[in-house]
């Protein structure tokens, strides 16, 4: 398993709009439809990556804890499903049910959205404010498969709490680390 870090898109970047197929609702949904009143978390994830499997329960907890504060959460899967059939949309539905995703799970079949967000790995997290300007990008927390650190979502929770409490989000942000996005050849 190779480690790929986030590219750390520049803070202040405006969220590129998109319209993607949600495997859960079976509808095409746009960022404008899904954005949160106080902020929007976009998470590039997949089914097969051990790093995503490691954080799945915690991202669901974070989403459930902060949705009541006006934040929306959007998961996007951009991997090549021919090379990685375990990331197929039918299996995305099964994964969403298994982990009780409370957020849309979108299929980026063309991989254009991942490219526009400069996403590099799964998981990769991007938090945008109410104006859809990037204020956090990077890791969920310091936990990794096998490192013995408990999952708590601390890095992302601190960023979300800063918004709730009208404070600036810390500029000290650690890149996420995970499996590379599986680009089509």
N, C-alpha and C. Protein backbone atom coordinates (compact mmCIF):
# COMPACT_ATOMS: atom_id res chain seq x y z
N UNK A 1 0.86 -1.17 0.00
CA UNK A 1 0.00 0.00 0.00
C UNK A 1 0.90 1.23 0.00
N UNK A 2 0.81 2.06 -1.04
CA UNK A 2 1.65 3.24 -1.11
C UNK A 2 0.93 4.43 -0.51
N UNK A 3 1.71 5.30 0.11
CA UNK A 3 1.16 6.49 0.75
C UNK A 3 1.22 7.67 -0.21
N UNK A 4 0.10 8.32 -0.39
CA UNK A 4 0.03 9.51 -1.22
C UNK A 4 -0.54 10.64 -0.37
N UNK A 5 0.15 11.79 -0.26
CA UNK A 5 -0.37 12.90 0.52
C UNK A 5 -1.28 13.81 -0.31
N UNK A 6 -2.06 14.63 0.41
CA UNK A 6 -2.86 15.68 -0.23
C UNK A 6 -1.93 16.65 -0.96
N UNK A 7 -2.46 17.31 -1.98
CA UNK A 7 -1.69 18.32 -2.68
C UNK A 7 -1.78 19.68 -1.99
N UNK A 8 -2.69 19.81 -1.04
CA UNK A 8 -2.86 21.05 -0.27
C UNK A 8 -3.22 22.24 -1.17
N UNK A 9 -4.36 22.15 -1.81
CA UNK A 9 -4.93 23.22 -2.62
C UNK A 9 -4.84 24.53 -1.84
N UNK A 10 -4.50 25.65 -2.48
CA UNK A 10 -4.35 26.91 -1.74
C UNK A 10 -5.64 27.33 -1.01
N UNK A 11 -5.47 27.76 0.23
CA UNK A 11 -6.60 28.29 0.99
C UNK A 11 -7.17 29.49 0.26
N UNK A 12 -8.46 29.68 0.34
CA UNK A 12 -9.13 30.78 -0.36
C UNK A 12 -9.63 30.39 -1.74
N UNK A 13 -9.23 29.22 -2.23
CA UNK A 13 -9.70 28.74 -3.54
C UNK A 13 -11.22 28.58 -3.49
N UNK A 14 -11.88 29.06 -4.52
CA UNK A 14 -13.33 28.92 -4.64
C UNK A 14 -13.66 27.49 -5.08
N UNK A 15 -14.66 26.90 -4.45
CA UNK A 15 -15.05 25.52 -4.78
C UNK A 15 -15.58 25.44 -6.20
N UNK A 16 -14.97 24.62 -7.05
CA UNK A 16 -15.52 24.44 -8.39
C UNK A 16 -16.89 23.76 -8.31
N UNK A 17 -17.84 24.26 -9.08
CA UNK A 17 -19.17 23.65 -9.08
C UNK A 17 -19.11 22.33 -9.83
N UNK A 18 -20.05 21.48 -9.56
CA UNK A 18 -20.13 20.18 -10.23
C UNK A 18 -21.56 19.68 -10.17
N UNK A 19 -21.84 18.71 -11.00
CA UNK A 19 -23.10 17.97 -10.96
C UNK A 19 -22.72 16.51 -11.20
N UNK A 20 -22.95 15.67 -10.18
CA UNK A 20 -22.55 14.27 -10.23
C UNK A 20 -23.70 13.37 -9.79
N UNK A 21 -23.62 12.12 -10.20
CA UNK A 21 -24.62 11.12 -9.86
C UNK A 21 -24.41 10.63 -8.43
N UNK A 22 -25.48 10.71 -7.63
CA UNK A 22 -25.47 10.21 -6.26
C UNK A 22 -25.97 8.78 -6.28
N UNK A 23 -25.11 7.85 -5.87
CA UNK A 23 -25.49 6.43 -5.93
C UNK A 23 -26.57 6.08 -4.91
N UNK A 24 -26.74 6.90 -3.89
CA UNK A 24 -27.74 6.62 -2.84
C UNK A 24 -29.14 7.04 -3.30
N UNK A 25 -29.29 8.31 -3.70
CA UNK A 25 -30.61 8.80 -4.13
C UNK A 25 -30.91 8.48 -5.59
N UNK A 26 -29.88 8.13 -6.35
CA UNK A 26 -29.97 7.86 -7.78
C UNK A 26 -30.38 9.10 -8.56
N UNK A 27 -29.91 10.26 -8.08
CA UNK A 27 -30.15 11.54 -8.75
C UNK A 27 -28.82 12.22 -9.02
N UNK A 28 -28.79 13.07 -10.04
CA UNK A 28 -27.63 13.93 -10.25
C UNK A 28 -27.79 15.15 -9.36
N UNK A 29 -26.75 15.45 -8.60
CA UNK A 29 -26.81 16.55 -7.63
C UNK A 29 -25.64 17.50 -7.86
N UNK A 30 -25.91 18.80 -7.68
CA UNK A 30 -24.86 19.80 -7.87
C UNK A 30 -24.37 20.32 -6.52
N UNK A 31 -23.21 20.92 -6.55
CA UNK A 31 -22.67 21.55 -5.34
C UNK A 31 -23.65 22.60 -4.83
N UNK A 32 -24.23 23.37 -5.74
CA UNK A 32 -25.18 24.41 -5.32
C UNK A 32 -26.37 23.82 -4.57
N UNK A 33 -26.83 22.65 -4.98
CA UNK A 33 -27.94 21.99 -4.29
C UNK A 33 -27.53 21.47 -2.92
N UNK A 34 -26.28 21.08 -2.79
CA UNK A 34 -25.83 20.38 -1.59
C UNK A 34 -25.11 21.25 -0.57
N UNK A 35 -24.72 22.45 -0.95
CA UNK A 35 -23.92 23.28 -0.05
C UNK A 35 -24.64 23.56 1.26
N UNK A 36 -23.85 23.70 2.32
CA UNK A 36 -24.40 23.96 3.64
C UNK A 36 -24.49 25.44 3.93
N UNK A 37 -25.38 25.79 4.82
CA UNK A 37 -25.58 27.19 5.21
C UNK A 37 -24.31 27.79 5.81
N UNK A 38 -23.59 27.01 6.61
CA UNK A 38 -22.39 27.52 7.29
C UNK A 38 -21.09 26.98 6.72
N UNK A 39 -21.17 25.97 5.88
CA UNK A 39 -19.96 25.40 5.29
C UNK A 39 -20.24 24.07 4.64
N UNK A 40 -19.30 23.64 3.81
CA UNK A 40 -19.46 22.41 3.05
C UNK A 40 -18.16 21.62 3.09
N UNK A 41 -18.26 20.37 3.53
CA UNK A 41 -17.11 19.47 3.56
C UNK A 41 -17.20 18.52 2.37
N UNK A 42 -16.19 18.56 1.52
CA UNK A 42 -16.11 17.64 0.39
C UNK A 42 -15.02 16.63 0.70
N UNK A 43 -15.39 15.35 0.60
CA UNK A 43 -14.50 14.26 0.98
C UNK A 43 -14.31 13.33 -0.21
N UNK A 44 -13.09 13.20 -0.68
CA UNK A 44 -12.80 12.23 -1.74
C UNK A 44 -12.46 10.92 -1.05
N UNK A 45 -13.31 9.92 -1.29
CA UNK A 45 -13.16 8.62 -0.65
C UNK A 45 -13.36 7.53 -1.70
N UNK A 46 -13.27 6.28 -1.28
CA UNK A 46 -13.55 5.15 -2.15
C UNK A 46 -13.90 3.95 -1.27
N UNK A 47 -14.15 2.83 -1.87
CA UNK A 47 -14.51 1.62 -1.11
C UNK A 47 -13.31 0.78 -0.72
N UNK A 48 -12.29 0.69 -1.59
CA UNK A 48 -11.25 -0.32 -1.41
C UNK A 48 -10.08 0.11 -0.54
N UNK A 49 -9.82 1.37 -0.39
CA UNK A 49 -8.60 1.85 0.27
C UNK A 49 -8.63 1.59 1.78
N UNK A 50 -7.58 0.98 2.33
CA UNK A 50 -7.53 0.73 3.78
C UNK A 50 -7.57 2.01 4.62
N UNK A 51 -7.07 3.12 4.08
CA UNK A 51 -7.10 4.38 4.82
C UNK A 51 -8.54 4.90 4.95
N UNK A 52 -9.33 4.72 3.90
CA UNK A 52 -10.74 5.12 3.96
C UNK A 52 -11.52 4.18 4.87
N UNK A 53 -11.28 2.89 4.73
CA UNK A 53 -11.95 1.92 5.61
C UNK A 53 -11.68 2.26 7.07
N UNK A 54 -10.47 2.71 7.36
CA UNK A 54 -10.07 3.05 8.72
C UNK A 54 -10.88 4.23 9.27
N UNK A 55 -11.22 5.21 8.42
CA UNK A 55 -11.88 6.44 8.91
C UNK A 55 -13.39 6.47 8.66
N UNK A 56 -13.94 5.50 7.96
CA UNK A 56 -15.36 5.55 7.59
C UNK A 56 -16.29 5.85 8.77
N UNK A 57 -16.15 5.12 9.86
CA UNK A 57 -17.05 5.34 11.01
C UNK A 57 -16.91 6.76 11.56
N UNK A 58 -15.69 7.28 11.60
CA UNK A 58 -15.48 8.62 12.16
C UNK A 58 -16.02 9.70 11.23
N UNK A 59 -15.90 9.55 9.91
CA UNK A 59 -16.46 10.59 9.05
C UNK A 59 -17.98 10.62 9.16
N UNK A 60 -18.59 9.48 9.39
CA UNK A 60 -20.04 9.45 9.61
C UNK A 60 -20.38 10.16 10.93
N UNK A 61 -19.59 9.91 11.98
CA UNK A 61 -19.83 10.58 13.27
C UNK A 61 -19.68 12.10 13.13
N UNK A 62 -18.62 12.53 12.46
CA UNK A 62 -18.39 13.97 12.27
C UNK A 62 -19.56 14.58 11.50
N UNK A 63 -19.96 13.95 10.41
CA UNK A 63 -21.08 14.47 9.62
C UNK A 63 -22.35 14.57 10.46
N UNK A 64 -22.63 13.55 11.23
CA UNK A 64 -23.83 13.56 12.07
C UNK A 64 -23.75 14.60 13.17
N UNK A 65 -22.56 14.82 13.73
CA UNK A 65 -22.39 15.81 14.80
C UNK A 65 -22.51 17.24 14.30
N UNK A 66 -22.09 17.51 13.06
CA UNK A 66 -22.01 18.90 12.60
C UNK A 66 -23.09 19.31 11.61
N UNK A 67 -23.84 18.37 11.09
CA UNK A 67 -24.94 18.72 10.18
C UNK A 67 -25.93 19.66 10.87
N UNK A 68 -26.16 19.44 12.16
CA UNK A 68 -27.10 20.28 12.92
C UNK A 68 -26.61 21.72 13.06
N UNK A 69 -25.33 21.96 12.76
CA UNK A 69 -24.77 23.31 12.83
C UNK A 69 -24.72 23.98 11.45
N UNK A 70 -25.43 23.41 10.48
CA UNK A 70 -25.52 24.04 9.16
C UNK A 70 -24.41 23.66 8.20
N UNK A 71 -23.73 22.55 8.45
CA UNK A 71 -22.69 22.08 7.53
C UNK A 71 -23.23 20.93 6.69
N UNK A 72 -22.84 20.91 5.44
CA UNK A 72 -23.17 19.75 4.61
C UNK A 72 -21.90 18.95 4.35
N UNK A 73 -22.09 17.67 4.12
CA UNK A 73 -20.99 16.75 3.85
C UNK A 73 -21.30 16.04 2.55
N UNK A 74 -20.29 15.95 1.69
CA UNK A 74 -20.44 15.35 0.37
C UNK A 74 -19.26 14.41 0.14
N UNK A 75 -19.53 13.15 -0.14
CA UNK A 75 -18.47 12.20 -0.47
C UNK A 75 -18.44 12.01 -1.98
N UNK A 76 -17.24 11.97 -2.53
CA UNK A 76 -17.05 11.79 -3.97
C UNK A 76 -16.06 10.65 -4.20
N UNK A 77 -16.41 9.75 -5.11
CA UNK A 77 -15.53 8.65 -5.48
C UNK A 77 -15.12 8.86 -6.93
N UNK A 78 -13.81 9.01 -7.16
CA UNK A 78 -13.30 9.35 -8.49
C UNK A 78 -12.42 8.28 -9.12
N UNK A 79 -12.26 7.14 -8.48
CA UNK A 79 -11.36 6.12 -9.01
C UNK A 79 -11.84 5.49 -10.31
N UNK A 80 -10.89 4.96 -11.06
CA UNK A 80 -11.15 4.19 -12.27
C UNK A 80 -11.77 2.86 -11.85
N UNK A 81 -13.05 2.67 -12.15
CA UNK A 81 -13.74 1.46 -11.70
C UNK A 81 -13.46 0.25 -12.59
N UNK A 82 -12.85 0.47 -13.74
CA UNK A 82 -12.44 -0.67 -14.57
C UNK A 82 -11.22 -1.32 -13.91
N UNK A 83 -10.26 -0.51 -13.51
CA UNK A 83 -9.06 -1.03 -12.86
C UNK A 83 -9.33 -1.45 -11.41
N UNK A 84 -10.31 -0.80 -10.77
CA UNK A 84 -10.65 -1.09 -9.37
C UNK A 84 -12.15 -1.36 -9.26
N UNK A 85 -12.59 -2.55 -9.67
CA UNK A 85 -14.02 -2.86 -9.70
C UNK A 85 -14.69 -2.82 -8.32
N UNK A 86 -13.92 -2.91 -7.24
CA UNK A 86 -14.53 -2.82 -5.91
C UNK A 86 -15.06 -1.41 -5.61
N UNK A 87 -14.72 -0.44 -6.48
CA UNK A 87 -15.24 0.92 -6.35
C UNK A 87 -16.42 1.18 -7.29
N UNK A 88 -16.94 0.15 -7.90
CA UNK A 88 -18.09 0.25 -8.80
C UNK A 88 -19.29 0.91 -8.09
N UNK A 89 -20.09 1.70 -8.81
CA UNK A 89 -21.24 2.35 -8.19
C UNK A 89 -22.18 1.42 -7.42
N UNK A 90 -22.40 0.19 -7.91
CA UNK A 90 -23.26 -0.74 -7.16
C UNK A 90 -22.65 -1.06 -5.80
N UNK A 91 -21.34 -1.19 -5.77
CA UNK A 91 -20.66 -1.47 -4.50
C UNK A 91 -20.54 -0.21 -3.65
N UNK A 92 -20.57 0.96 -4.29
CA UNK A 92 -20.62 2.21 -3.53
C UNK A 92 -21.90 2.26 -2.70
N UNK A 93 -23.01 1.83 -3.30
CA UNK A 93 -24.29 1.80 -2.58
C UNK A 93 -24.18 0.87 -1.37
N UNK A 94 -23.62 -0.31 -1.57
CA UNK A 94 -23.45 -1.26 -0.46
C UNK A 94 -22.59 -0.67 0.65
N UNK A 95 -21.51 0.01 0.26
CA UNK A 95 -20.62 0.63 1.24
C UNK A 95 -21.34 1.73 2.02
N UNK A 96 -22.12 2.54 1.32
CA UNK A 96 -22.87 3.61 1.97
C UNK A 96 -23.86 3.04 2.98
N UNK A 97 -24.49 1.93 2.64
CA UNK A 97 -25.43 1.28 3.57
C UNK A 97 -24.69 0.66 4.75
N UNK A 98 -23.58 -0.01 4.47
CA UNK A 98 -22.80 -0.67 5.52
C UNK A 98 -22.38 0.32 6.61
N UNK A 99 -21.95 1.52 6.19
CA UNK A 99 -21.46 2.52 7.14
C UNK A 99 -22.52 3.55 7.52
N UNK A 100 -23.73 3.40 7.01
CA UNK A 100 -24.82 4.34 7.31
C UNK A 100 -24.46 5.77 6.94
N UNK A 101 -23.98 5.96 5.71
CA UNK A 101 -23.66 7.31 5.25
C UNK A 101 -24.90 8.18 5.36
N UNK A 102 -24.73 9.32 5.97
CA UNK A 102 -25.82 10.29 6.12
C UNK A 102 -25.63 11.45 5.14
N UNK A 103 -24.84 11.22 4.12
CA UNK A 103 -24.48 12.25 3.14
C UNK A 103 -24.47 11.59 1.76
N UNK A 104 -24.58 12.40 0.70
CA UNK A 104 -24.53 11.84 -0.64
C UNK A 104 -23.16 11.22 -0.94
N UNK A 105 -23.17 10.18 -1.75
CA UNK A 105 -21.95 9.51 -2.20
C UNK A 105 -21.96 9.59 -3.72
N UNK A 106 -21.19 10.52 -4.25
CA UNK A 106 -21.24 10.87 -5.66
C UNK A 106 -20.18 10.14 -6.48
N UNK A 107 -20.54 9.78 -7.69
CA UNK A 107 -19.62 9.07 -8.59
C UNK A 107 -19.09 10.05 -9.63
N UNK A 108 -17.79 10.29 -9.60
CA UNK A 108 -17.09 11.18 -10.53
C UNK A 108 -16.50 10.33 -11.65
N UNK A 109 -17.36 9.85 -12.52
CA UNK A 109 -16.94 8.88 -13.54
C UNK A 109 -15.86 9.43 -14.47
N UNK A 110 -15.94 10.70 -14.83
CA UNK A 110 -14.96 11.29 -15.75
C UNK A 110 -13.68 11.73 -15.03
N UNK A 111 -13.71 11.77 -13.73
CA UNK A 111 -12.59 12.20 -12.88
C UNK A 111 -12.32 13.70 -12.98
N UNK A 112 -13.19 14.43 -13.67
CA UNK A 112 -12.99 15.88 -13.84
C UNK A 112 -13.08 16.63 -12.51
N UNK A 113 -13.99 16.22 -11.64
CA UNK A 113 -14.15 16.93 -10.37
C UNK A 113 -12.90 16.75 -9.51
N UNK A 114 -12.38 15.54 -9.44
CA UNK A 114 -11.15 15.30 -8.68
C UNK A 114 -10.02 16.18 -9.21
N UNK A 115 -9.93 16.30 -10.53
CA UNK A 115 -8.89 17.14 -11.13
C UNK A 115 -9.10 18.61 -10.77
N UNK A 116 -10.35 19.08 -10.82
CA UNK A 116 -10.64 20.48 -10.51
C UNK A 116 -10.32 20.81 -9.05
N UNK A 117 -10.48 19.84 -8.16
CA UNK A 117 -10.18 20.06 -6.74
C UNK A 117 -8.73 19.71 -6.40
N UNK A 118 -7.99 19.25 -7.40
CA UNK A 118 -6.60 18.83 -7.20
C UNK A 118 -6.51 17.75 -6.12
N UNK A 119 -7.53 16.90 -6.07
CA UNK A 119 -7.53 15.79 -5.11
C UNK A 119 -6.46 14.80 -5.52
N UNK A 120 -5.78 14.24 -4.53
CA UNK A 120 -4.67 13.33 -4.83
C UNK A 120 -4.83 11.96 -4.21
N UNK A 121 -5.54 11.90 -3.08
CA UNK A 121 -5.59 10.65 -2.34
C UNK A 121 -6.98 10.42 -1.77
N UNK A 122 -7.17 9.19 -1.29
CA UNK A 122 -8.38 8.87 -0.54
C UNK A 122 -7.94 8.34 0.82
N UNK A 123 -8.43 8.98 1.88
CA UNK A 123 -9.37 10.10 1.90
C UNK A 123 -8.64 11.44 1.69
N UNK A 124 -9.34 12.41 1.17
CA UNK A 124 -8.84 13.77 1.00
C UNK A 124 -10.00 14.70 1.35
N UNK A 125 -9.78 15.63 2.26
CA UNK A 125 -10.85 16.46 2.82
C UNK A 125 -10.67 17.94 2.46
N UNK A 126 -11.77 18.59 2.09
CA UNK A 126 -11.78 20.00 1.72
C UNK A 126 -12.98 20.66 2.40
N UNK A 127 -12.73 21.63 3.27
CA UNK A 127 -13.80 22.36 3.96
C UNK A 127 -13.89 23.77 3.39
N UNK A 128 -15.08 24.10 2.92
CA UNK A 128 -15.35 25.42 2.35
C UNK A 128 -16.31 26.17 3.27
N UNK A 129 -16.12 27.49 3.37
CA UNK A 129 -17.00 28.31 4.21
C UNK A 129 -18.33 28.55 3.50
N UNK A 130 -19.17 29.40 4.09
CA UNK A 130 -20.50 29.66 3.53
C UNK A 130 -20.43 30.31 2.16
N UNK A 131 -19.29 30.93 1.82
CA UNK A 131 -19.11 31.53 0.50
C UNK A 131 -18.39 30.59 -0.47
N UNK A 132 -18.23 29.34 -0.05
CA UNK A 132 -17.55 28.30 -0.82
C UNK A 132 -16.09 28.64 -1.10
N UNK A 133 -15.43 29.29 -0.13
CA UNK A 133 -13.99 29.52 -0.20
C UNK A 133 -13.30 28.52 0.72
N UNK A 134 -12.22 27.93 0.23
CA UNK A 134 -11.51 26.89 0.97
C UNK A 134 -10.86 27.45 2.23
N UNK A 135 -11.20 26.83 3.38
CA UNK A 135 -10.63 27.28 4.65
C UNK A 135 -9.88 26.16 5.36
N UNK A 136 -10.07 24.93 4.91
CA UNK A 136 -9.32 23.80 5.47
C UNK A 136 -9.18 22.73 4.41
N UNK A 137 -7.99 22.13 4.35
CA UNK A 137 -7.78 20.96 3.51
C UNK A 137 -6.73 20.12 4.20
N UNK A 138 -6.93 18.83 4.16
CA UNK A 138 -5.96 17.96 4.80
C UNK A 138 -6.57 16.76 5.47
N UNK A 139 -5.98 16.40 6.60
CA UNK A 139 -6.32 15.15 7.28
C UNK A 139 -7.56 15.25 8.16
N UNK A 140 -8.14 14.09 8.42
CA UNK A 140 -9.23 13.97 9.40
C UNK A 140 -8.66 14.12 10.80
N UNK A 141 -7.60 13.37 11.08
CA UNK A 141 -6.89 13.42 12.36
C UNK A 141 -5.57 12.69 12.18
N UNK A 142 -4.85 12.45 13.27
CA UNK A 142 -3.53 11.82 13.20
C UNK A 142 -3.57 10.30 13.11
N UNK A 143 -4.73 9.69 13.21
CA UNK A 143 -4.84 8.23 13.18
C UNK A 143 -4.62 7.70 11.77
N UNK A 144 -3.87 6.61 11.68
CA UNK A 144 -3.64 5.90 10.43
C UNK A 144 -3.77 4.41 10.72
N UNK A 145 -4.07 3.60 9.73
CA UNK A 145 -4.15 2.16 9.98
C UNK A 145 -2.85 1.65 10.61
N UNK A 146 -2.98 1.03 11.77
CA UNK A 146 -1.84 0.40 12.42
C UNK A 146 -0.95 1.29 13.25
N UNK A 147 -1.24 2.63 13.35
CA UNK A 147 -0.33 3.47 14.14
C UNK A 147 -0.73 3.58 15.61
N UNK A 148 -1.84 2.97 16.01
CA UNK A 148 -2.23 2.94 17.41
C UNK A 148 -2.88 4.20 17.94
N UNK A 149 -3.04 5.22 17.11
CA UNK A 149 -3.69 6.46 17.54
C UNK A 149 -5.19 6.32 17.28
N UNK A 150 -5.99 6.63 18.30
CA UNK A 150 -7.45 6.50 18.18
C UNK A 150 -8.03 7.54 17.23
N UNK A 151 -9.04 7.12 16.49
CA UNK A 151 -9.78 8.05 15.63
C UNK A 151 -10.59 9.01 16.49
N UNK A 152 -10.53 10.31 16.15
CA UNK A 152 -11.35 11.29 16.85
C UNK A 152 -11.77 12.45 15.93
N UNK A 153 -11.28 12.48 14.70
CA UNK A 153 -11.63 13.55 13.77
C UNK A 153 -11.13 14.92 14.19
N UNK A 154 -10.13 14.95 15.07
CA UNK A 154 -9.72 16.20 15.71
C UNK A 154 -9.40 17.34 14.74
N UNK A 155 -8.62 17.08 13.71
CA UNK A 155 -8.22 18.16 12.80
C UNK A 155 -9.44 18.82 12.15
N UNK A 156 -10.35 18.00 11.67
CA UNK A 156 -11.55 18.54 11.02
C UNK A 156 -12.52 19.12 12.05
N UNK A 157 -12.66 18.48 13.18
CA UNK A 157 -13.54 19.01 14.23
C UNK A 157 -13.07 20.40 14.69
N UNK A 158 -11.76 20.58 14.82
CA UNK A 158 -11.25 21.90 15.23
C UNK A 158 -11.59 22.96 14.19
N UNK A 159 -11.49 22.62 12.91
CA UNK A 159 -11.83 23.58 11.86
C UNK A 159 -13.33 23.91 11.89
N UNK A 160 -14.17 22.89 12.04
CA UNK A 160 -15.62 23.11 12.10
C UNK A 160 -16.00 23.92 13.35
N UNK A 161 -15.37 23.60 14.48
CA UNK A 161 -15.64 24.34 15.72
C UNK A 161 -15.23 25.81 15.59
N UNK A 162 -14.14 26.07 14.89
CA UNK A 162 -13.70 27.45 14.69
C UNK A 162 -14.78 28.24 13.96
N UNK A 163 -15.37 27.66 12.94
CA UNK A 163 -16.44 28.34 12.20
C UNK A 163 -17.64 28.59 13.11
N UNK A 164 -18.04 27.58 13.85
CA UNK A 164 -19.19 27.71 14.75
C UNK A 164 -18.97 28.84 15.75
N UNK A 165 -17.73 28.97 16.24
CA UNK A 165 -17.40 29.96 17.27
C UNK A 165 -16.84 31.27 16.70
N UNK A 166 -17.03 31.49 15.39
CA UNK A 166 -16.59 32.72 14.72
C UNK A 166 -15.11 33.01 14.93
N UNK A 167 -14.30 31.94 14.89
CA UNK A 167 -12.85 32.10 14.97
C UNK A 167 -12.25 31.73 13.62
N UNK A 168 -11.03 32.20 13.40
CA UNK A 168 -10.32 31.81 12.18
C UNK A 168 -9.87 30.36 12.30
N UNK A 169 -9.96 29.64 11.21
CA UNK A 169 -9.46 28.27 11.16
C UNK A 169 -7.93 28.33 11.14
N UNK A 170 -7.29 27.50 11.94
CA UNK A 170 -5.83 27.48 12.02
C UNK A 170 -5.22 27.26 10.64
N UNK A 171 -4.13 27.97 10.38
CA UNK A 171 -3.40 27.81 9.12
C UNK A 171 -2.48 26.59 9.17
N UNK A 172 -2.26 26.04 10.37
CA UNK A 172 -1.42 24.85 10.52
C UNK A 172 -2.26 23.63 10.20
N UNK A 173 -2.16 23.16 8.97
CA UNK A 173 -2.98 22.07 8.49
C UNK A 173 -2.09 20.98 7.91
N UNK A 174 -2.32 19.75 8.37
CA UNK A 174 -1.52 18.61 7.91
C UNK A 174 -2.21 17.94 6.73
N UNK A 175 -1.43 17.56 5.72
CA UNK A 175 -2.03 16.87 4.58
C UNK A 175 -2.63 15.53 4.99
N UNK A 176 -3.67 15.17 4.31
CA UNK A 176 -4.20 13.81 4.46
C UNK A 176 -3.21 12.87 3.78
N UNK A 177 -3.25 11.63 4.19
CA UNK A 177 -2.40 10.61 3.56
C UNK A 177 -3.29 9.40 3.29
N UNK A 178 -3.15 8.82 2.13
CA UNK A 178 -3.95 7.65 1.81
C UNK A 178 -3.52 7.01 0.52
N UNK A 179 -4.44 6.29 -0.08
CA UNK A 179 -4.21 5.65 -1.38
C UNK A 179 -4.34 6.72 -2.47
N UNK A 180 -3.53 6.62 -3.50
CA UNK A 180 -3.65 7.57 -4.61
C UNK A 180 -5.01 7.39 -5.29
N UNK A 181 -5.51 8.48 -5.84
CA UNK A 181 -6.69 8.35 -6.70
C UNK A 181 -6.25 7.53 -7.91
N UNK A 182 -7.08 6.59 -8.29
CA UNK A 182 -6.74 5.68 -9.38
C UNK A 182 -7.20 6.29 -10.70
N UNK A 183 -6.27 6.97 -11.37
CA UNK A 183 -6.57 7.70 -12.60
C UNK A 183 -6.73 6.75 -13.77
N UNK A 184 -7.63 7.11 -14.66
CA UNK A 184 -7.81 6.34 -15.89
C UNK A 184 -6.59 6.54 -16.78
N UNK A 185 -6.26 5.51 -17.51
CA UNK A 185 -5.09 5.59 -18.41
C UNK A 185 -5.50 6.02 -19.79
